[in-house]
Amino acid sequence: MAKKAAKPFVLGIIDEIQSTQLAEKRTLNIYLPEGYNKDDTTRYPVIYLLDGSADEDFIHVVGLVQFNTFPWVNRIPKSIVVGIANVNRRRDFTYPTTLEEDKPITNSNHDLTNRSHHHPRSDSRLF
């Protein structure tokens, strides 16, 4: 019996945006529910996922969303999942500090403590 050609396993789409607040690019992993059509008027809830890289929690959360939207389970509505990939996880999830011993961990790549606006994770202008 001849072996069938392998097919790709596609879970969503990958996009990239430039964050003006963080002055860096961010990768977005996006899951669209079954039946999604960009030209349709149907509206879907959106779940924003920090730690949203494919090698972080994106695949697990999308699996939970898919399972819980099956008609026989029906715990949540069909939803869009947007996974926001980390660039530097320690910096992304640790508030800036003024303690010298903590600065190499929390302020790496960008010194967010000297910015004139709020910390990006508490600022609605993140992207």
C-alpha atoms as a PDB file:
ATOM      1  CA  MET A   1       0.000   0.000   0.000  1.00  0.00           C
ATOM      2  CA  ALA A   2       1.409   3.398  -0.972  1.00  0.00           C
ATOM      3  CA  LYS A   3       2.069   5.874   1.792  1.00  0.00           C
ATOM      4  CA  LYS A   4      -0.007   9.087   1.563  1.00  0.00           C
ATOM      5  CA  ALA A   5       1.826  12.388   1.527  1.00  0.00           C
ATOM      6  CA  ALA A   6       1.970  14.158   4.874  1.00  0.00           C
ATOM      7  CA  LYS A   7      -0.299  17.170   5.317  1.00  0.00           C
ATOM      8  CA  PRO A   8       0.477  20.235   7.416  1.00  0.00           C
ATOM      9  CA  PHE A   9      -1.180  20.581  10.804  1.00  0.00           C
ATOM     10  CA  VAL A  10      -2.657  24.088  10.750  1.00  0.00           C
ATOM     11  CA  LEU A  11      -4.098  25.540  13.932  1.00  0.00           C
ATOM     12  CA  GLY A  12      -4.359  29.192  12.954  1.00  0.00           C
ATOM     13  CA  ILE A  13      -2.501  32.069  11.414  1.00  0.00           C
ATOM     14  CA  ILE A  14       0.636  33.936  12.429  1.00  0.00           C
ATOM     15  CA  ASP A  15       0.786  37.708  12.160  1.00  0.00           C
ATOM     16  CA  GLU A  16       3.243  40.321  13.347  1.00  0.00           C
ATOM     17  CA  ILE A  17       2.681  43.864  14.571  1.00  0.00           C
ATOM     18  CA  GLN A  18       4.963  46.689  15.591  1.00  0.00           C
ATOM     19  CA  SER A  19       4.295  47.901  19.146  1.00  0.00           C
ATOM     20  CA  THR A  20       4.888  51.626  19.412  1.00  0.00           C
ATOM     21  CA  GLN A  21       4.777  51.510  23.212  1.00  0.00           C
ATOM     22  CA  LEU A  22       7.361  48.727  23.488  1.00  0.00           C
ATOM     23  CA  ALA A  23       9.338  49.753  20.396  1.00  0.00           C
ATOM     24  CA  GLU A  24       9.516  46.146  19.168  1.00  0.00           C
ATOM     25  CA  LYS A  25       7.692  43.658  16.989  1.00  0.00           C
ATOM     26  CA  ARG A  26       5.288  41.167  18.516  1.00  0.00           C
ATOM     27  CA  THR A  27       4.188  37.875  16.988  1.00  0.00           C
ATOM     28  CA  LEU A  28       0.481  37.118  17.186  1.00  0.00           C
ATOM     29  CA  ASN A  29      -0.801  33.552  16.885  1.00  0.00           C
ATOM     30  CA  ILE A  30      -4.463  33.680  15.942  1.00  0.00           C
ATOM     31  CA  TYR A  31      -7.011  30.865  16.111  1.00  0.00           C
ATOM     32  CA  LEU A  32     -10.236  31.376  14.190  1.00  0.00           C
ATOM     33  CA  PRO A  33     -13.193  29.148  15.074  1.00  0.00           C
ATOM     34  CA  GLU A  34     -14.675  26.646  12.657  1.00  0.00           C
ATOM     35  CA  GLY A  35     -17.004  28.438  10.272  1.00  0.00           C
ATOM     36  CA  TYR A  36     -15.273  31.810  10.675  1.00  0.00           C
ATOM     37  CA  ASN A  37     -15.578  33.995   7.586  1.00  0.00           C
ATOM     38  CA  LYS A  38     -14.064  37.487   7.550  1.00  0.00           C
ATOM     39  CA  ASP A  39     -16.828  38.670   5.192  1.00  0.00           C
ATOM     40  CA  ASP A  40     -19.601  37.412   7.494  1.00  0.00           C
ATOM     41  CA  THR A  41     -21.366  39.620  10.037  1.00  0.00           C
ATOM     42  CA  THR A  42     -21.055  37.038  12.831  1.00  0.00           C
ATOM     43  CA  ARG A  43     -19.265  38.423  15.895  1.00  0.00           C
ATOM     44  CA  TYR A  44     -17.060  36.288  18.158  1.00  0.00           C
ATOM     45  CA  PRO A  45     -15.648  36.848  21.638  1.00  0.00           C
ATOM     46  CA  VAL A  46     -11.859  37.286  21.628  1.00  0.00           C
ATOM     47  CA  ILE A  47      -9.566  35.649  24.176  1.00  0.00           C
ATOM     48  CA  TYR A  48      -6.216  37.439  24.491  1.00  0.00           C
ATOM     49  CA  LEU A  49      -3.513  35.101  25.699  1.00  0.00           C
ATOM     50  CA  LEU A  50      -0.240  36.251  27.221  1.00  0.00           C
ATOM     51  CA  ASP A  51       2.433  33.550  26.873  1.00  0.00           C
ATOM     52  CA  GLY A  52       0.799  33.036  23.501  1.00  0.00           C
ATOM     53  CA  SER A  53       3.677  31.535  21.509  1.00  0.00           C
ATOM     54  CA  ALA A  54       3.220  28.165  19.828  1.00  0.00           C
ATOM     55  CA  ASP A  55       5.864  26.811  22.219  1.00  0.00           C
ATOM     56  CA  GLU A  56       4.132  28.339  25.239  1.00  0.00           C
ATOM     57  CA  ASP A  57       0.391  28.065  25.999  1.00  0.00           C
ATOM     58  CA  PHE A  58      -1.276  28.869  22.671  1.00  0.00           C
ATOM     59  CA  ILE A  59      -1.808  25.284  21.528  1.00  0.00           C
ATOM     60  CA  HIS A  60      -3.144  24.168  24.933  1.00  0.00           C
ATOM     61  CA  VAL A  61      -5.626  27.017  25.236  1.00  0.00           C
ATOM     62  CA  VAL A  62      -6.854  26.642  21.652  1.00  0.00           C
ATOM     63  CA  GLY A  63      -7.440  22.941  22.349  1.00  0.00           C
ATOM     64  CA  LEU A  64      -9.529  23.828  25.395  1.00  0.00           C
ATOM     65  CA  VAL A  65     -11.495  26.406  23.419  1.00  0.00           C
ATOM     66  CA  GLN A  66     -12.137  23.926  20.593  1.00  0.00           C
ATOM     67  CA  PHE A  67     -13.257  21.204  23.003  1.00  0.00           C
ATOM     68  CA  ASN A  68     -15.527  23.492  24.999  1.00  0.00           C
ATOM     69  CA  THR A  69     -17.238  24.768  21.830  1.00  0.00           C
ATOM     70  CA  PHE A  70     -18.105  21.314  20.495  1.00  0.00           C
ATOM     71  CA  PRO A  71     -21.922  21.127  20.179  1.00  0.00           C
ATOM     72  CA  TRP A  72     -22.117  18.206  22.647  1.00  0.00           C
ATOM     73  CA  VAL A  73     -20.057  20.120  25.246  1.00  0.00           C
ATOM     74  CA  ASN A  74     -21.224  23.701  24.539  1.00  0.00           C
ATOM     75  CA  ARG A  75     -19.618  25.363  27.594  1.00  0.00           C
ATOM     76  CA  ILE A  76     -18.407  28.508  25.827  1.00  0.00           C
ATOM     77  CA  PRO A  77     -19.298  30.258  22.568  1.00  0.00           C
ATOM     78  CA  LYS A  78     -17.105  29.861  19.505  1.00  0.00           C
ATOM     79  CA  SER A  79     -14.242  32.267  20.137  1.00  0.00           C
ATOM     80  CA  ILE A  80     -11.186  33.808  18.511  1.00  0.00           C
ATOM     81  CA  VAL A  81      -7.930  33.259  20.413  1.00  0.00           C
ATOM     82  CA  VAL A  82      -5.094  35.772  20.005  1.00  0.00           C
ATOM     83  CA  GLY A  83      -1.821  34.560  21.476  1.00  0.00           C
ATOM     84  CA  ILE A  84       0.712  37.325  22.107  1.00  0.00           C
ATOM     85  CA  ALA A  85       4.217  35.898  21.992  1.00  0.00           C
ATOM     86  CA  ASN A  86       6.782  37.043  24.531  1.00  0.00           C
ATOM     87  CA  VAL A  87       9.995  38.720  23.494  1.00  0.00           C
ATOM     88  CA  ASN A  88      11.596  38.618  26.921  1.00  0.00           C
ATOM     89  CA  ARG A  89       9.367  36.789  29.385  1.00  0.00           C
ATOM     90  CA  ARG A  90      11.048  38.101  32.533  1.00  0.00           C
ATOM     91  CA  ARG A  91      10.762  41.671  31.355  1.00  0.00           C
ATOM     92  CA  ASP A  92       7.243  41.193  29.970  1.00  0.00           C
ATOM     93  CA  PHE A  93       5.848  39.793  33.232  1.00  0.00           C
ATOM     94  CA  THR A  94       7.919  41.647  35.811  1.00  0.00           C
ATOM     95  CA  TYR A  95       7.210  45.252  36.700  1.00  0.00           C
ATOM     96  CA  PRO A  96      10.186  47.638  36.323  1.00  0.00           C
ATOM     97  CA  THR A  97      12.200  48.196  39.472  1.00  0.00           C
ATOM     98  CA  THR A  98      14.419  50.788  41.051  1.00  0.00           C
ATOM     99  CA  LEU A  99      16.347  48.107  42.999  1.00  0.00           C
ATOM    100  CA  GLU A 100      19.787  47.820  41.429  1.00  0.00           C
ATOM    101  CA  GLU A 101      20.060  44.045  42.012  1.00  0.00           C
ATOM    102  CA  ASP A 102      16.787  43.437  40.156  1.00  0.00           C
ATOM    103  CA  LYS A 103      17.388  45.755  37.181  1.00  0.00           C
ATOM    104  CA  PRO A 104      19.247  43.194  35.022  1.00  0.00           C
ATOM    105  CA  ILE A 105      16.145  40.957  35.175  1.00  0.00           C
ATOM    106  CA  THR A 106      13.270  43.423  34.946  1.00  0.00           C
ATOM    107  CA  ASN A 107      14.686  46.216  32.828  1.00  0.00           C
ATOM    108  CA  SER A 108      16.504  44.216  30.163  1.00  0.00           C
ATOM    109  CA  ASN A 109      16.159  45.444  26.568  1.00  0.00           C
ATOM    110  CA  HIS A 110      14.241  48.575  27.597  1.00  0.00           C
ATOM    111  CA  ASP A 111      14.488  50.778  30.654  1.00  0.00           C
ATOM    112  CA  LEU A 112      10.751  51.168  31.197  1.00  0.00           C
ATOM    113  CA  THR A 113      11.251  52.925  34.552  1.00  0.00           C
ATOM    114  CA  ASN A 114      12.253  56.156  32.807  1.00  0.00           C
ATOM    115  CA  ARG A 115       9.271  56.407  30.474  1.00  0.00           C
ATOM    116  CA  SER A 116       6.788  59.223  31.017  1.00  0.00           C
ATOM    117  CA  HIS A 117       3.679  57.066  30.493  1.00  0.00           C
ATOM    118  CA  HIS A 118       2.205  54.253  32.536  1.00  0.00           C
ATOM    119  CA  HIS A 119       3.775  50.817  32.498  1.00  0.00           C
ATOM    120  CA  PRO A 120       2.768  49.145  29.175  1.00  0.00           C
ATOM    121  CA  ARG A 121       0.894  46.216  30.749  1.00  0.00           C
ATOM    122  CA  SER A 122      -1.417  48.607  32.597  1.00  0.00           C
ATOM    123  CA  ASP A 123      -1.744  50.934  29.613  1.00  0.00           C
ATOM    124  CA  SER A 124      -4.565  50.364  27.122  1.00  0.00           C
ATOM    125  CA  ARG A 125      -2.255  51.695  24.380  1.00  0.00           C
ATOM    126  CA  LEU A 126      -0.053  48.558  24.472  1.00  0.00           C
ATOM    127  CA  PHE A 127      -0.102  48.125  20.687  1.00  0.00           C
END
